[in-house]
């Protein structure tokens, strides 16, 4: 079961009163993801950087997402960590 560690930045946008998930982008390293999230925080309502491991054969998540950085308003799933 080959694993790959993903580093992802998820953007959140405010549309009226509603907060919606925007674009999500994968980066090669934790440092790149955190730096990008910090830069994006100036442009979006909120941003998170997270990491997780997936099985490259099945796409199954083998390590639950871990929050690396959080800026601004984010989805409920990222507020309590």
PDB file of N, CA and C in Angstrom:
ATOM      1  N   UNK A   1       0.840  -1.175   0.000  1.00  0.00           N
ATOM      2  CA  UNK A   1       0.000   0.000   0.000  1.00  0.00           C
ATOM      3  C   UNK A   1       0.889   1.242   0.000  1.00  0.00           C
ATOM      4  N   UNK A   2       1.217   1.766  -1.165  1.00  0.00           N
ATOM      5  CA  UNK A   2       2.038   2.985  -1.234  1.00  0.00           C
ATOM      6  C   UNK A   2       1.255   4.211  -0.776  1.00  0.00           C
ATOM      7  N   UNK A   3       1.894   5.038   0.049  1.00  0.00           N
ATOM      8  CA  UNK A   3       1.258   6.238   0.579  1.00  0.00           C
ATOM      9  C   UNK A   3       1.909   7.487   0.009  1.00  0.00           C
ATOM     10  N   UNK A   4       1.117   8.529  -0.064  1.00  0.00           N
ATOM     11  CA  UNK A   4       1.612   9.838  -0.471  1.00  0.00           C
ATOM     12  C   UNK A   4       1.085  10.852   0.527  1.00  0.00           C
ATOM     13  N   UNK A   5       1.956  11.739   0.996  1.00  0.00           N
ATOM     14  CA  UNK A   5       1.540  12.810   1.886  1.00  0.00           C
ATOM     15  C   UNK A   5       1.182  14.025   1.048  1.00  0.00           C
ATOM     16  N   UNK A   6      -0.007  14.537   1.285  1.00  0.00           N
ATOM     17  CA  UNK A   6      -0.486  15.706   0.557  1.00  0.00           C
ATOM     18  C   UNK A   6      -0.426  16.936   1.458  1.00  0.00           C
ATOM     19  N   UNK A   7      -0.103  18.074   0.874  1.00  0.00           N
ATOM     20  CA  UNK A   7      -0.115  19.367   1.560  1.00  0.00           C
ATOM     21  C   UNK A   7      -1.073  20.248   0.766  1.00  0.00           C
ATOM     22  N   UNK A   8      -2.171  20.619   1.387  1.00  0.00           N
ATOM     23  CA  UNK A   8      -3.269  21.266   0.667  1.00  0.00           C
ATOM     24  C   UNK A   8      -3.618  22.610   1.297  1.00  0.00           C
ATOM     25  N   UNK A   9      -3.918  23.583   0.435  1.00  0.00           N
ATOM     26  CA  UNK A   9      -4.437  24.880   0.871  1.00  0.00           C
ATOM     27  C   UNK A   9      -5.875  24.970   0.382  1.00  0.00           C
ATOM     28  N   UNK A  10      -6.794  25.213   1.326  1.00  0.00           N
ATOM     29  CA  UNK A  10      -8.217  25.362   1.015  1.00  0.00           C
ATOM     30  C   UNK A  10      -8.624  26.806   1.288  1.00  0.00           C
ATOM     31  N   UNK A  11      -9.172  27.459   0.276  1.00  0.00           N
ATOM     32  CA  UNK A  11      -9.616  28.842   0.415  1.00  0.00           C
ATOM     33  C   UNK A  11     -11.110  28.880   0.725  1.00  0.00           C
ATOM     34  N   UNK A  12     -11.545  29.910   1.462  1.00  0.00           N
ATOM     35  CA  UNK A  12     -12.961  30.124   1.771  1.00  0.00           C
ATOM     36  C   UNK A  12     -13.337  31.529   1.353  1.00  0.00           C
ATOM     37  N   UNK A  13     -14.514  31.637   0.723  1.00  0.00           N
ATOM     38  CA  UNK A  13     -14.993  32.919   0.232  1.00  0.00           C
ATOM     39  C   UNK A  13     -16.329  33.260   0.875  1.00  0.00           C
ATOM     40  N   UNK A  14     -16.557  34.530   1.086  1.00  0.00           N
ATOM     41  CA  UNK A  14     -17.823  35.004   1.630  1.00  0.00           C
ATOM     42  C   UNK A  14     -18.684  35.426   0.454  1.00  0.00           C
ATOM     43  N   UNK A  15     -19.869  34.827   0.360  1.00  0.00           N
ATOM     44  CA  UNK A  15     -20.842  35.194  -0.680  1.00  0.00           C
ATOM     45  C   UNK A  15     -22.100  35.641   0.039  1.00  0.00           C
ATOM     46  N   UNK A  16     -22.206  36.946   0.203  1.00  0.00           N
ATOM     47  CA  UNK A  16     -23.293  37.483   1.017  1.00  0.00           C
ATOM     48  C   UNK A  16     -23.050  37.094   2.469  1.00  0.00           C
ATOM     49  N   UNK A  17     -24.015  36.413   3.062  1.00  0.00           N
ATOM     50  CA  UNK A  17     -23.876  35.974   4.450  1.00  0.00           C
ATOM     51  C   UNK A  17     -23.294  34.563   4.538  1.00  0.00           C
ATOM     52  N   UNK A  18     -23.118  33.925   3.407  1.00  0.00           N
ATOM     53  CA  UNK A  18     -22.702  32.527   3.375  1.00  0.00           C
ATOM     54  C   UNK A  18     -21.198  32.384   3.122  1.00  0.00           C
ATOM     55  N   UNK A  19     -20.558  31.519   3.905  1.00  0.00           N
ATOM     56  CA  UNK A  19     -19.146  31.197   3.712  1.00  0.00           C
ATOM     57  C   UNK A  19     -19.070  29.912   2.901  1.00  0.00           C
ATOM     58  N   UNK A  20     -18.374  29.947   1.776  1.00  0.00           N
ATOM     59  CA  UNK A  20     -18.282  28.766   0.923  1.00  0.00           C
ATOM     60  C   UNK A  20     -16.828  28.387   0.680  1.00  0.00           C
ATOM     61  N   UNK A  21     -16.607  27.099   0.508  1.00  0.00           N
ATOM     62  CA  UNK A  21     -15.268  26.615   0.171  1.00  0.00           C
ATOM     63  C   UNK A  21     -14.953  27.030  -1.260  1.00  0.00           C
ATOM     64  N   UNK A  22     -13.773  27.584  -1.432  1.00  0.00           N
ATOM     65  CA  UNK A  22     -13.324  27.975  -2.762  1.00  0.00           C
ATOM     66  C   UNK A  22     -12.372  26.922  -3.306  1.00  0.00           C
ATOM     67  N   UNK A  23     -11.368  27.388  -3.964  1.00  0.00           N
ATOM     68  CA  UNK A  23     -10.384  26.522  -4.597  1.00  0.00           C
ATOM     69  C   UNK A  23      -9.500  25.833  -3.564  1.00  0.00           C
ATOM     70  N   UNK A  24      -9.094  24.621  -3.877  1.00  0.00           N
ATOM     71  CA  UNK A  24      -8.136  23.903  -3.045  1.00  0.00           C
ATOM     72  C   UNK A  24      -6.973  23.504  -3.952  1.00  0.00           C
ATOM     73  N   UNK A  25      -5.752  23.730  -3.463  1.00  0.00           N
ATOM     74  CA  UNK A  25      -4.559  23.506  -4.273  1.00  0.00           C
ATOM     75  C   UNK A  25      -3.558  22.673  -3.472  1.00  0.00           C
ATOM     76  N   UNK A  26      -2.911  21.728  -4.158  1.00  0.00           N
ATOM     77  CA  UNK A  26      -1.901  20.877  -3.526  1.00  0.00           C
ATOM     78  C   UNK A  26      -0.504  21.469  -3.734  1.00  0.00           C
ATOM     79  N   UNK A  27       0.322  21.383  -2.691  1.00  0.00           N
ATOM     80  CA  UNK A  27       1.709  21.861  -2.744  1.00  0.00           C
ATOM     81  C   UNK A  27       2.662  20.732  -2.403  1.00  0.00           C
ATOM     82  N   UNK A  28       3.932  20.904  -2.758  1.00  0.00           N
ATOM     83  CA  UNK A  28       4.922  19.841  -2.562  1.00  0.00           C
ATOM     84  C   UNK A  28       5.378  19.688  -1.122  1.00  0.00           C
ATOM     85  N   UNK A  29       5.409  20.798  -0.374  1.00  0.00           N
ATOM     86  CA  UNK A  29       5.926  20.739   0.989  1.00  0.00           C
ATOM     87  C   UNK A  29       5.000  21.461   1.961  1.00  0.00           C
ATOM     88  N   UNK A  30       5.174  21.148   3.233  1.00  0.00           N
ATOM     89  CA  UNK A  30       4.412  21.827   4.284  1.00  0.00           C
ATOM     90  C   UNK A  30       4.704  23.319   4.281  1.00  0.00           C
ATOM     91  N   UNK A  31       5.974  23.677   4.142  1.00  0.00           N
ATOM     92  CA  UNK A  31       6.370  25.084   4.156  1.00  0.00           C
ATOM     93  C   UNK A  31       5.709  25.863   3.015  1.00  0.00           C
ATOM     94  N   UNK A  32       5.658  25.269   1.825  1.00  0.00           N
ATOM     95  CA  UNK A  32       5.007  25.934   0.686  1.00  0.00           C
ATOM     96  C   UNK A  32       3.525  26.152   0.959  1.00  0.00           C
ATOM     97  N   UNK A  33       2.865  25.146   1.516  1.00  0.00           N
ATOM     98  CA  UNK A  33       1.434  25.238   1.786  1.00  0.00           C
ATOM     99  C   UNK A  33       1.137  26.310   2.835  1.00  0.00           C
ATOM    100  N   UNK A  34       1.899  26.324   3.912  1.00  0.00           N
ATOM    101  CA  UNK A  34       1.671  27.317   4.969  1.00  0.00           C
ATOM    102  C   UNK A  34       1.952  28.725   4.454  1.00  0.00           C
ATOM    103  N   UNK A  35       3.021  28.898   3.692  1.00  0.00           N
ATOM    104  CA  UNK A  35       3.355  30.214   3.145  1.00  0.00           C
ATOM    105  C   UNK A  35       2.261  30.695   2.193  1.00  0.00           C
ATOM    106  N   UNK A  36       1.739  29.796   1.374  1.00  0.00           N
ATOM    107  CA  UNK A  36       0.681  30.170   0.435  1.00  0.00           C
ATOM    108  C   UNK A  36      -0.597  30.544   1.180  1.00  0.00           C
ATOM    109  N   UNK A  37      -0.930  29.787   2.218  1.00  0.00           N
ATOM    110  CA  UNK A  37      -2.119  30.080   3.010  1.00  0.00           C
ATOM    111  C   UNK A  37      -2.001  31.467   3.640  1.00  0.00           C
ATOM    112  N   UNK A  38      -0.830  31.784   4.132  1.00  0.00           N
ATOM    113  CA  UNK A  38      -0.607  33.098   4.746  1.00  0.00           C
ATOM    114  C   UNK A  38      -0.790  34.217   3.718  1.00  0.00           C
ATOM    115  N   UNK A  39      -0.256  34.027   2.509  1.00  0.00           N
ATOM    116  CA  UNK A  39      -0.424  35.037   1.456  1.00  0.00           C
ATOM    117  C   UNK A  39      -1.892  35.162   1.033  1.00  0.00           C
ATOM    118  N   UNK A  40      -2.573  34.014   0.908  1.00  0.00           N
ATOM    119  CA  UNK A  40      -3.974  34.015   0.472  1.00  0.00           C
ATOM    120  C   UNK A  40      -4.901  34.639   1.509  1.00  0.00           C
ATOM    121  N   UNK A  41      -4.489  34.668   2.766  1.00  0.00           N
ATOM    122  CA  UNK A  41      -5.327  35.217   3.841  1.00  0.00           C
ATOM    123  C   UNK A  41      -5.679  36.677   3.591  1.00  0.00           C
ATOM    124  N   UNK A  42      -4.851  37.379   2.832  1.00  0.00           N
ATOM    125  CA  UNK A  42      -5.122  38.782   2.511  1.00  0.00           C
ATOM    126  C   UNK A  42      -6.193  38.933   1.431  1.00  0.00           C
ATOM    127  N   UNK A  43      -6.434  37.867   0.654  1.00  0.00           N
ATOM    128  CA  UNK A  43      -7.335  37.951  -0.487  1.00  0.00           C
ATOM    129  C   UNK A  43      -8.676  37.266  -0.261  1.00  0.00           C
ATOM    130  N   UNK A  44      -8.749  36.365   0.717  1.00  0.00           N
ATOM    131  CA  UNK A  44      -9.946  35.559   0.920  1.00  0.00           C
ATOM    132  C   UNK A  44     -10.481  35.737   2.337  1.00  0.00           C
ATOM    133  N   UNK A  45     -11.736  35.348   2.542  1.00  0.00           N
ATOM    134  CA  UNK A  45     -12.337  35.439   3.876  1.00  0.00           C
ATOM    135  C   UNK A  45     -11.586  34.564   4.866  1.00  0.00           C
ATOM    136  N   UNK A  46     -11.090  33.432   4.393  1.00  0.00           N
ATOM    137  CA  UNK A  46     -10.331  32.521   5.238  1.00  0.00           C
ATOM    138  C   UNK A  46      -9.563  31.521   4.413  1.00  0.00           C
ATOM    139  N   UNK A  47      -8.562  30.912   5.043  1.00  0.00           N
ATOM    140  CA  UNK A  47      -7.715  29.929   4.365  1.00  0.00           C
ATOM    141  C   UNK A  47      -7.193  28.943   5.406  1.00  0.00           C
ATOM    142  N   UNK A  48      -7.093  27.673   5.014  1.00  0.00           N
ATOM    143  CA  UNK A  48      -6.426  26.686   5.862  1.00  0.00           C
ATOM    144  C   UNK A  48      -5.369  25.964   5.042  1.00  0.00           C
ATOM    145  N   UNK A  49      -4.314  25.538   5.738  1.00  0.00           N
ATOM    146  CA  UNK A  49      -3.321  24.637   5.150  1.00  0.00           C
ATOM    147  C   UNK A  49      -3.419  23.363   5.961  1.00  0.00           C
ATOM    148  N   UNK A  50      -3.443  22.225   5.278  1.00  0.00           N
ATOM    149  CA  UNK A  50      -3.540  20.955   5.978  1.00  0.00           C
ATOM    150  C   UNK A  50      -2.724  19.887   5.281  1.00  0.00           C
ATOM    151  N   UNK A  51      -2.497  18.804   6.009  1.00  0.00           N
ATOM    152  CA  UNK A  51      -1.775  17.674   5.447  1.00  0.00           C
ATOM    153  C   UNK A  51      -2.559  16.401   5.729  1.00  0.00           C
ATOM    154  N   UNK A  52      -2.412  15.423   4.843  1.00  0.00           N
ATOM    155  CA  UNK A  52      -3.020  14.103   5.029  1.00  0.00           C
ATOM    156  C   UNK A  52      -2.261  13.103   4.172  1.00  0.00           C
ATOM    157  N   UNK A  53      -2.372  11.857   4.524  1.00  0.00           N
ATOM    158  CA  UNK A  53      -1.738  10.793   3.737  1.00  0.00           C
ATOM    159  C   UNK A  53      -2.830   9.992   3.047  1.00  0.00           C
ATOM    160  N   UNK A  54      -2.576   9.644   1.787  1.00  0.00           N
ATOM    161  CA  UNK A  54      -3.529   8.838   1.020  1.00  0.00           C
ATOM    162  C   UNK A  54      -2.819   7.645   0.413  1.00  0.00           C
ATOM    163  N   UNK A  55      -3.572   6.578   0.207  1.00  0.00           N
ATOM    164  CA  UNK A  55      -3.078   5.397  -0.497  1.00  0.00           C
ATOM    165  C   UNK A  55      -3.102   5.736  -1.984  1.00  0.00           C
ATOM    166  N   UNK A  56      -1.963   5.661  -2.647  1.00  0.00           N
ATOM    167  CA  UNK A  56      -1.896   6.068  -4.053  1.00  0.00           C
ATOM    168  C   UNK A  56      -2.608   5.097  -4.990  1.00  0.00           C
ATOM    169  N   UNK A  57      -2.823   3.858  -4.550  1.00  0.00           N
ATOM    170  CA  UNK A  57      -3.540   2.898  -5.392  1.00  0.00           C
ATOM    171  C   UNK A  57      -5.054   3.099  -5.348  1.00  0.00           C
ATOM    172  N   UNK A  58      -5.581   3.339  -4.153  1.00  0.00           N
ATOM    173  CA  UNK A  58      -7.034   3.411  -3.983  1.00  0.00           C
ATOM    174  C   UNK A  58      -7.567   4.821  -3.790  1.00  0.00           C
ATOM    175  N   UNK A  59      -6.700   5.766  -3.411  1.00  0.00           N
ATOM    176  CA  UNK A  59      -7.144   7.114  -3.109  1.00  0.00           C
ATOM    177  C   UNK A  59      -7.715   7.243  -1.713  1.00  0.00           C
ATOM    178  N   UNK A  60      -7.709   6.150  -0.967  1.00  0.00           N
ATOM    179  CA  UNK A  60      -8.244   6.144   0.398  1.00  0.00           C
ATOM    180  C   UNK A  60      -7.353   6.957   1.333  1.00  0.00           C
ATOM    181  N   UNK A  61      -7.988   7.732   2.191  1.00  0.00           N
ATOM    182  CA  UNK A  61      -7.248   8.509   3.196  1.00  0.00           C
ATOM    183  C   UNK A  61      -6.767   7.548   4.279  1.00  0.00           C
ATOM    184  N   UNK A  62      -5.445   7.512   4.512  1.00  0.00           N
ATOM    185  CA  UNK A  62      -4.889   6.612   5.525  1.00  0.00           C
ATOM    186  C   UNK A  62      -4.459   7.369   6.776  1.00  0.00           C
ATOM    187  N   UNK A  63      -4.393   8.684   6.683  1.00  0.00           N
ATOM    188  CA  UNK A  63      -4.119   9.531   7.838  1.00  0.00           C
ATOM    189  C   UNK A  63      -5.078  10.707   7.747  1.00  0.00           C
ATOM    190  N   UNK A  64      -5.890  10.878   8.769  1.00  0.00           N
ATOM    191  CA  UNK A  64      -6.868  11.960   8.764  1.00  0.00           C
ATOM    192  C   UNK A  64      -6.177  13.309   8.595  1.00  0.00           C
ATOM    193  N   UNK A  65      -6.863  14.269   7.969  1.00  0.00           N
ATOM    194  CA  UNK A  65      -6.266  15.589   7.774  1.00  0.00           C
ATOM    195  C   UNK A  65      -5.814  16.225   9.089  1.00  0.00           C
ATOM    196  N   UNK A  66      -4.650  16.847   9.042  1.00  0.00           N
ATOM    197  CA  UNK A  66      -4.097  17.560  10.193  1.00  0.00           C
ATOM    198  C   UNK A  66      -3.940  19.020   9.789  1.00  0.00           C
ATOM    199  N   UNK A  67      -4.476  19.908  10.606  1.00  0.00           N
ATOM    200  CA  UNK A  67      -4.411  21.336  10.343  1.00  0.00           C
ATOM    201  C   UNK A  67      -2.995  21.857  10.580  1.00  0.00           C
ATOM    202  N   UNK A  68      -2.450  22.562   9.593  1.00  0.00           N
ATOM    203  CA  UNK A  68      -1.121  23.166   9.707  1.00  0.00           C
ATOM    204  C   UNK A  68      -1.206  24.651  10.032  1.00  0.00           C
ATOM    205  N   UNK A  69      -2.188  25.332   9.431  1.00  0.00           N
ATOM    206  CA  UNK A  69      -2.362  26.771   9.662  1.00  0.00           C
ATOM    207  C   UNK A  69      -3.800  27.142   9.339  1.00  0.00           C
ATOM    208  N   UNK A  70      -4.290  28.182  10.031  1.00  0.00           N
ATOM    209  CA  UNK A  70      -5.658  28.651   9.814  1.00  0.00           C
ATOM    210  C   UNK A  70      -5.649  30.171   9.884  1.00  0.00           C
ATOM    211  N   UNK A  71      -6.306  30.814   8.922  1.00  0.00           N
ATOM    212  CA  UNK A  71      -6.380  32.271   8.867  1.00  0.00           C
ATOM    213  C   UNK A  71      -7.806  32.682   8.543  1.00  0.00           C
ATOM    214  N   UNK A  72      -8.330  33.648   9.272  1.00  0.00           N
ATOM    215  CA  UNK A  72      -9.642  34.215   8.974  1.00  0.00           C
ATOM    216  C   UNK A  72     -10.802  33.284   9.258  1.00  0.00           C
ATOM    217  N   UNK A  73     -11.890  33.487   8.508  1.00  0.00           N
ATOM    218  CA  UNK A  73     -13.107  32.696   8.653  1.00  0.00           C
ATOM    219  C   UNK A  73     -12.975  31.415   7.841  1.00  0.00           C
ATOM    220  N   UNK A  74     -13.187  30.287   8.510  1.00  0.00           N
ATOM    221  CA  UNK A  74     -13.049  28.995   7.832  1.00  0.00           C
ATOM    222  C   UNK A  74     -14.266  28.131   8.116  1.00  0.00           C
ATOM    223  N   UNK A  75     -14.403  27.047   7.366  1.00  0.00           N
ATOM    224  CA  UNK A  75     -15.508  26.120   7.551  1.00  0.00           C
ATOM    225  C   UNK A  75     -15.516  25.519   8.950  1.00  0.00           C
ATOM    226  N   UNK A  76     -16.689  25.087   9.379  1.00  0.00           N
ATOM    227  CA  UNK A  76     -16.867  24.528  10.726  1.00  0.00           C
ATOM    228  C   UNK A  76     -15.926  23.370  11.016  1.00  0.00           C
ATOM    229  N   UNK A  77     -15.631  22.574  10.012  1.00  0.00           N
ATOM    230  CA  UNK A  77     -14.743  21.415  10.218  1.00  0.00           C
ATOM    231  C   UNK A  77     -13.320  21.800  10.608  1.00  0.00           C
ATOM    232  N   UNK A  78     -12.969  23.067  10.416  1.00  0.00           N
ATOM    233  CA  UNK A  78     -11.615  23.537  10.746  1.00  0.00           C
ATOM    234  C   UNK A  78     -11.577  24.474  11.950  1.00  0.00           C
ATOM    235  N   UNK A  79     -12.698  24.723  12.576  1.00  0.00           N
ATOM    236  CA  UNK A  79     -12.756  25.699  13.665  1.00  0.00           C
ATOM    237  C   UNK A  79     -12.366  25.143  15.023  1.00  0.00           C
ATOM    238  N   UNK A  80     -12.561  23.883  15.269  1.00  0.00           N
ATOM    239  CA  UNK A  80     -12.356  23.325  16.603  1.00  0.00           C
ATOM    240  C   UNK A  80     -10.988  22.678  16.807  1.00  0.00           C
ATOM    241  N   UNK A  81     -10.130  22.745  15.846  1.00  0.00           N
ATOM    242  CA  UNK A  81      -8.835  22.075  15.980  1.00  0.00           C
ATOM    243  C   UNK A  81      -7.826  22.964  16.644  1.00  0.00           C
TER     244      UNK A  81
END
